[in-house]
Amino acid sequence: MAVIRSDDKAPKTDITVYLKADREAFGDVIEFGDNYTRISLTLTNAMVIDEFGTVHPGYLTSAAIYAAACAVNDPLAIPVESTSKFITPVEKGKKIDLKADCSHASTRTRDVHVVGKMGEILVFECDVKMVITDKHPMSIKLAN
């Protein structure tokens, strides 16, 4: 499966974003295509917040933003908004499957809907708005 960027028509067969992201924290890409990605996130001890093994929900949101960025697959796309819905707590040792679908692929603003499941059980949803910028924001030098 290849991803086509709206401004260059050349197919992309590799992920071009978040190349330095920690896969243990954000998950592994297990499926990748046109405006779509699927991530597998294993919940680890480092994510635990209590004696019950409950994982902090922020890890799910971070993984969802990573999945959204991979679905858009443009190095100049930045997340500008996200809304998360935590349906049930999750615990260490489990695997969460996150599927991200991108809409408005021909515009500079992309809406990505991410669904997180543990097996067949829906545990999480997140909507991420990504904007394709002209320059990477960190490359812009600000005056003191």
Protein backbone atom coordinates (compact mmCIF):
# COMPACT_ATOMS: atom_id res chain seq x y z
CA MET A 1 0.00 0.00 0.00
CA ALA A 2 1.28 3.46 -0.82
CA VAL A 3 0.35 6.85 0.51
CA ILE A 4 0.00 9.73 -1.92
CA ARG A 5 0.74 13.21 -0.71
CA SER A 6 -1.69 15.75 -2.10
CA ASP A 7 0.99 18.14 -3.33
CA ASP A 8 3.41 15.77 -5.03
CA LYS A 9 1.45 12.79 -6.42
CA ALA A 10 4.42 10.49 -5.81
CA PRO A 11 3.45 7.39 -3.85
CA LYS A 12 4.94 7.02 -0.39
CA THR A 13 5.62 3.52 0.70
CA ASP A 14 7.42 4.46 3.93
CA ILE A 15 6.42 6.43 6.96
CA THR A 16 8.12 9.83 6.84
CA VAL A 17 7.04 11.24 10.22
CA TYR A 18 8.05 10.86 13.87
CA LEU A 19 11.12 8.88 12.86
CA LYS A 20 12.74 9.37 16.28
CA ALA A 21 9.64 8.49 18.30
CA ASP A 22 10.04 5.83 21.00
CA ARG A 23 8.08 2.84 19.72
CA GLU A 24 7.63 1.49 23.24
CA ALA A 25 5.83 4.70 24.22
CA PHE A 26 3.87 5.30 20.99
CA GLY A 27 3.41 1.81 19.53
CA ASP A 28 4.48 -0.05 16.41
CA VAL A 29 2.99 0.53 12.99
CA ILE A 30 1.52 -2.79 11.85
CA GLU A 31 -0.50 -1.57 8.88
CA PHE A 32 -0.07 1.50 6.69
CA GLY A 33 -1.90 2.82 3.64
CA ASP A 34 -3.62 5.74 1.96
CA ASN A 35 -4.70 8.04 4.81
CA TYR A 36 -4.81 5.09 7.20
CA THR A 37 -2.58 3.45 9.77
CA ARG A 38 -2.85 0.81 12.43
CA ILE A 39 -0.69 0.85 15.55
CA SER A 40 -0.16 -1.83 18.19
CA LEU A 41 0.63 -0.42 21.63
CA THR A 42 1.79 -2.73 24.42
CA LEU A 43 1.04 -1.25 27.84
CA THR A 44 4.18 -1.39 30.01
CA ASN A 45 5.14 -0.95 33.66
CA ALA A 46 6.49 2.53 32.88
CA MET A 47 2.91 3.62 32.05
CA VAL A 48 1.37 2.43 35.35
CA ILE A 49 -0.08 4.95 37.81
CA ASP A 50 -1.36 2.79 40.70
CA GLU A 51 -1.15 -0.54 42.54
CA PHE A 52 -3.81 -2.04 40.24
CA GLY A 53 -1.65 -1.68 37.13
CA THR A 54 -3.84 1.01 35.63
CA VAL A 55 -2.17 2.80 32.71
CA HIS A 56 -2.30 6.60 32.54
CA PRO A 57 -4.73 7.51 29.71
CA GLY A 58 -2.30 10.10 28.35
CA TYR A 59 -0.32 7.24 26.80
CA LEU A 60 -3.36 6.36 24.69
CA THR A 61 -3.71 9.97 23.54
CA SER A 62 -0.01 10.12 22.65
CA ALA A 63 -0.28 6.89 20.67
CA ALA A 64 -3.39 8.24 18.92
CA ILE A 65 -1.56 11.41 17.87
CA TYR A 66 1.31 9.24 16.60
CA ALA A 67 -1.19 7.11 14.63
CA ALA A 68 -2.81 10.26 13.22
CA ALA A 69 0.57 11.64 12.13
CA CYS A 70 1.41 8.35 10.41
CA ALA A 71 -1.98 8.34 8.63
CA VAL A 72 -1.32 11.85 7.29
CA ASN A 73 2.36 10.97 6.69
CA ASP A 74 3.64 14.45 5.93
CA PRO A 75 6.68 15.70 7.89
CA LEU A 76 5.17 19.20 7.90
CA ALA A 77 1.89 18.09 9.48
CA ILE A 78 1.48 19.12 13.11
CA PRO A 79 -1.28 18.25 15.55
CA VAL A 80 -3.24 21.36 16.55
CA GLU A 81 -6.17 19.83 18.41
CA SER A 82 -7.26 16.52 19.90
CA THR A 83 -10.30 15.30 21.79
CA SER A 84 -10.13 11.98 23.59
CA LYS A 85 -12.83 9.73 24.99
CA PHE A 86 -11.66 7.13 27.51
CA ILE A 87 -14.31 4.43 27.55
CA THR A 88 -12.70 2.09 30.06
CA PRO A 89 -9.45 2.01 32.04
CA VAL A 90 -6.69 -0.23 30.68
CA GLU A 91 -3.99 -2.15 32.51
CA LYS A 92 -0.35 -3.04 31.98
CA GLY A 93 0.48 -6.06 29.90
CA LYS A 94 -2.43 -5.56 27.51
CA LYS A 95 -2.16 -4.65 23.83
CA ILE A 96 -4.21 -1.84 22.34
CA ASP A 97 -4.89 -1.80 18.61
CA LEU A 98 -5.29 1.77 17.34
CA LYS A 99 -6.74 2.42 13.88
CA ALA A 100 -6.44 5.91 12.40
CA ASP A 101 -8.47 7.09 9.41
CA CYS A 102 -7.76 10.47 7.82
CA SER A 103 -10.38 12.57 6.04
CA HIS A 104 -10.01 15.70 3.90
CA ALA A 105 -6.82 14.29 2.37
CA SER A 106 -6.70 16.95 -0.35
CA THR A 107 -6.67 19.89 2.07
CA ARG A 108 -4.04 21.34 4.41
CA THR A 109 -6.24 20.57 7.43
CA ARG A 110 -6.77 16.88 8.09
CA ASP A 111 -9.21 15.33 10.52
CA VAL A 112 -8.13 11.95 11.82
CA HIS A 113 -10.40 9.63 13.77
CA VAL A 114 -8.58 7.08 15.93
CA VAL A 115 -10.25 4.08 17.56
CA GLY A 116 -8.49 2.00 20.22
CA LYS A 117 -9.57 -1.55 20.94
CA MET A 118 -8.41 -4.32 23.21
CA GLY A 119 -9.45 -7.36 21.18
CA GLU A 120 -13.03 -6.55 20.20
CA ILE A 121 -13.59 -4.20 23.16
CA LEU A 122 -13.66 -0.48 22.37
CA VAL A 123 -11.57 1.29 25.05
CA PHE A 124 -10.70 4.64 23.51
CA GLU A 125 -11.53 7.13 20.76
CA CYS A 126 -9.67 10.24 19.73
CA ASP A 127 -10.20 12.90 17.08
CA VAL A 128 -7.04 14.67 15.98
CA LYS A 129 -6.81 17.73 13.77
CA MET A 130 -3.54 17.94 11.84
CA VAL A 131 -2.44 20.98 9.81
CA ILE A 132 0.14 20.85 7.03
CA THR A 133 2.45 23.82 7.45
CA ASP A 134 4.79 25.51 4.96
CA LYS A 135 7.78 25.06 7.28
CA HIS A 136 8.44 22.94 10.32
CA PRO A 137 7.54 25.17 13.32
CA MET A 138 10.82 24.37 15.09
CA SER A 139 12.80 25.60 12.06
CA ILE A 140 11.47 29.13 12.51
CA LYS A 141 13.85 31.36 14.43
CA LEU A 142 12.15 33.74 16.83
CA ALA A 143 13.68 37.03 17.95
CA ASN A 144 14.61 37.29 21.64
